[in-house]
Protein backbone atom coordinates (compact mmCIF):
# COMPACT_ATOMS: atom_id res chain seq x y z
CA SER A 1 -29.41 10.66 -61.40
CA GLY A 2 -29.15 7.56 -59.38
CA ASP A 3 -29.92 4.86 -61.95
CA ALA A 4 -28.03 1.68 -61.84
CA VAL A 5 -26.86 -1.16 -64.50
CA PHE A 6 -26.02 -4.65 -63.46
CA ALA A 7 -24.59 -7.76 -64.93
CA TRP A 8 -24.19 -11.39 -63.74
CA GLU A 9 -23.48 -14.82 -65.21
CA GLN A 10 -26.81 -16.91 -64.91
CA THR A 11 -26.18 -20.41 -64.75
CA THR A 12 -29.22 -22.78 -65.80
CA SER A 13 -27.12 -26.13 -65.71
CA ALA A 14 -23.78 -27.43 -64.94
CA VAL A 15 -22.44 -26.18 -68.46
CA VAL A 16 -24.97 -23.89 -69.69
CA SER A 17 -24.32 -19.93 -68.62
CA GLN A 18 -25.33 -16.52 -69.85
CA ILE A 19 -24.77 -13.17 -69.14
CA GLN A 20 -27.85 -11.27 -68.20
CA THR A 21 -28.32 -7.63 -67.25
CA ARG A 22 -31.12 -5.39 -65.82
CA THR A 23 -31.38 -1.87 -64.62
CA ARG A 24 -32.67 -0.27 -61.29
CA SER A 25 -33.95 3.32 -61.50
CA ALA A 26 -33.32 5.84 -58.73
CA THR A 27 -36.84 5.20 -57.63
CA GLY A 28 -36.13 1.35 -57.21
CA THR A 29 -37.97 0.20 -60.11
CA LEU A 30 -36.35 -2.73 -61.95
CA GLY A 31 -36.12 -3.07 -65.41
CA GLN A 32 -36.45 -6.06 -67.69
CA THR A 33 -33.76 -8.96 -67.22
CA ARG A 34 -32.22 -9.41 -70.61
CA ASN A 35 -29.76 -11.82 -71.98
CA LEU A 36 -26.70 -10.18 -73.22
CA SER A 37 -24.63 -13.56 -74.19
CA GLY A 38 -25.08 -16.78 -75.95
CA ALA A 39 -24.02 -20.11 -73.79
CA GLU A 40 -20.88 -20.57 -72.38
CA ALA A 41 -20.35 -17.22 -70.87
CA ALA A 42 -18.76 -16.29 -67.77
CA LEU A 43 -17.20 -13.24 -65.75
CA PRO A 44 -18.92 -10.14 -66.87
CA GLN A 45 -17.51 -6.84 -66.62
CA LEU A 46 -19.15 -3.68 -67.23
CA ALA A 47 -19.04 0.02 -67.48
CA VAL A 48 -21.67 2.85 -67.53
CA GLU A 49 -21.10 6.34 -69.11
CA ASP A 50 -22.93 9.29 -67.26
CA ASP A 51 -26.18 9.25 -69.55
CA GLY A 52 -26.76 5.53 -68.59
CA ASP A 53 -25.14 3.86 -71.52
CA ALA A 54 -23.18 0.79 -70.85
CA VAL A 55 -20.77 -1.44 -72.40
CA PHE A 56 -20.21 -4.87 -71.38
CA ALA A 57 -17.49 -7.49 -71.93
CA TRP A 58 -17.32 -11.33 -70.96
CA GLN A 59 -15.40 -14.45 -71.68
CA ARG A 60 -17.35 -16.94 -73.84
CA LYS A 61 -16.34 -20.59 -74.65
CA GLY A 62 -16.48 -21.52 -78.34
CA ALA A 63 -15.95 -24.69 -80.30
CA ALA A 64 -12.55 -24.33 -80.75
CA VAL A 65 -11.11 -21.29 -78.14
CA THR A 66 -12.45 -18.96 -75.42
CA GLN A 67 -12.77 -15.48 -76.76
CA ILE A 68 -13.79 -12.16 -75.04
CA GLU A 69 -16.96 -10.91 -76.50
CA ALA A 70 -18.64 -7.32 -76.09
CA ARG A 71 -22.10 -6.11 -76.29
CA ALA A 72 -23.50 -2.43 -75.65
CA ARG A 73 -26.92 -1.32 -74.23
CA SER A 74 -28.35 2.27 -74.65
CA ALA A 75 -29.91 3.94 -71.52
CA ALA A 76 -33.37 3.22 -73.30
CA GLY A 77 -32.73 -0.33 -73.24
CA ALA A 78 -31.41 -0.86 -76.98
CA LEU A 79 -29.00 -3.49 -77.48
CA SER A 80 -26.26 -3.64 -79.95
CA PRO A 81 -24.92 -6.67 -81.53
CA VAL A 82 -22.40 -8.95 -79.93
CA GLN A 83 -18.94 -8.50 -80.98
CA ALA A 84 -16.05 -10.62 -80.74
CA LEU A 85 -12.91 -8.76 -79.59
CA SER A 86 -10.32 -11.03 -79.31
CA SER A 87 -8.49 -13.74 -82.00
CA ALA A 88 -11.08 -16.75 -83.06
CA THR A 89 -7.77 -18.86 -82.97
CA ALA A 90 -6.46 -18.34 -79.59
CA ASN A 91 -7.72 -18.40 -76.10
CA ALA A 92 -8.60 -15.19 -74.01
CA ALA A 93 -9.36 -14.70 -70.56
CA GLU A 94 -9.55 -11.62 -67.84
CA ALA A 95 -11.81 -9.08 -69.73
CA ASP A 96 -11.93 -5.36 -68.28
CA VAL A 97 -13.78 -2.59 -69.87
CA ALA A 98 -14.09 1.29 -69.48
CA VAL A 99 -15.67 3.83 -71.05
CA ASP A 100 -15.22 7.37 -71.39
CA ALA A 101 -18.08 10.38 -71.37
CA THR A 102 -18.98 9.95 -75.14
CA GLY A 103 -19.55 6.17 -75.03
CA ASP A 104 -16.43 5.23 -76.52
CA ALA A 105 -15.28 2.06 -74.98
CA VAL A 106 -11.72 0.79 -74.16
CA PHE A 107 -11.05 -3.05 -73.54
CA ALA A 108 -8.24 -5.29 -72.04
CA TRP A 109 -7.82 -8.82 -71.65
CA ALA A 110 -5.17 -11.77 -71.35
CA GLY A 111 -4.67 -13.38 -74.69
CA TYR A 112 -1.97 -16.29 -75.95
CA ASP A 113 0.16 -15.13 -78.31
CA ALA A 114 1.75 -17.31 -81.24
CA ALA A 115 4.57 -18.42 -79.10
CA GLY A 116 1.97 -19.72 -76.43
CA LYS A 117 2.98 -16.68 -74.00
CA LEU A 118 -0.15 -15.05 -72.34
CA ARG A 119 0.12 -11.28 -73.50
CA ILE A 120 -1.98 -8.52 -72.62
CA GLN A 121 -4.07 -7.27 -75.54
CA GLY A 122 -6.59 -4.44 -76.13
CA ARG A 123 -9.08 -3.02 -78.31
CA THR A 124 -11.16 0.39 -78.61
CA ARG A 125 -14.96 0.50 -79.61
CA SER A 126 -16.58 3.69 -80.85
CA ALA A 127 -19.86 4.56 -79.19
CA ALA A 128 -21.30 3.82 -82.69
CA GLY A 129 -19.87 0.11 -82.58
CA ALA A 130 -16.69 0.24 -84.88
CA LEU A 131 -13.89 -1.92 -83.54
CA GLY A 132 -10.30 -0.74 -83.57
CA PRO A 133 -7.48 -3.04 -84.32
CA VAL A 134 -6.38 -5.48 -81.35
CA ARG A 135 -3.08 -4.34 -79.79
CA VAL A 136 -0.45 -6.53 -77.87
CA LEU A 137 0.06 -4.14 -74.95
CA SER A 138 2.51 -6.44 -73.19
CA ASP A 139 6.17 -7.27 -74.00
CA ALA A 140 7.38 -10.55 -75.10
CA GLY A 141 8.78 -12.92 -72.01
CA THR A 142 7.09 -14.22 -69.00
CA ASP A 143 3.09 -14.36 -68.88
CA ALA A 144 1.05 -11.28 -68.04
CA PHE A 145 -2.24 -11.65 -66.35
CA ASP A 146 -4.85 -9.61 -64.30
CA PRO A 147 -5.39 -6.68 -66.93
CA GLN A 148 -6.92 -3.76 -65.64
CA VAL A 149 -8.12 -0.43 -67.91
CA GLY A 150 -9.30 2.72 -67.15
CA VAL A 151 -10.21 6.03 -69.24
CA ALA A 152 -10.56 9.55 -68.78
CA ALA A 153 -13.40 11.63 -69.72
CA ASP A 154 -11.77 12.59 -73.01
CA GLY A 155 -11.04 9.06 -73.93
CA ASN A 156 -7.23 8.81 -72.94
CA ALA A 157 -6.64 5.32 -71.20
CA VAL A 158 -4.23 3.40 -68.90
CA PHE A 159 -3.58 -0.12 -68.64
CA ALA A 160 -2.06 -1.93 -66.12
CA TRP A 161 -1.26 -5.81 -65.55
CA ARG A 162 0.83 -7.97 -63.51
CA ARG A 163 3.78 -10.04 -64.58
CA ASN A 164 6.09 -12.37 -62.65
CA PRO A 165 9.41 -13.13 -63.88
CA GLY A 166 10.17 -15.38 -61.28
CA THR A 167 11.32 -12.69 -58.82
CA GLY A 168 7.85 -11.67 -57.62
CA ASP A 169 4.97 -9.73 -59.15
CA LEU A 170 5.85 -6.55 -61.06
CA VAL A 171 2.98 -4.36 -61.99
CA GLU A 172 3.51 -2.80 -65.32
CA SER A 173 1.36 -0.19 -67.53
CA ARG A 174 0.91 1.30 -71.03
CA THR A 175 -1.16 4.42 -71.93
CA LEU A 176 -3.19 4.78 -75.39
CA SER A 177 -4.41 8.39 -76.51
């Protein structure tokens, strides 16, 4: 219908930043600015389904590690609770999100495994807010980075990322039905 949803990082001091969102109708009317995250959040990503429901992902520095968090916003403006997607014991970054026609979301990020290797991880979120298990998508070996995720209207997803085993960047991918 021409409506838009935006997300950005709003920095209020050198160390305090939040993720914010705002809508713009097809007629140009701006919606209210809303805070999505707590402090120390950065690098927002968003996906919007045809009905105007949006799902957001970002990285947020906590007391011990940086985690990937997510939140949904209905077309009417209702916000879901913030959900932690990645491990509470290992750093994660580079979030990406995609959403299917029914509002189910798929996330990807780069997170450290127990051996200290950067692995691509993914997780699903139903439109109702239920989280699926964390899945390790990239194989062990050299670090993987720059994850991307796309999802078809029926929910089938494809993940892609880069890896450099020392001979130049390789692009790898995996699907999830």
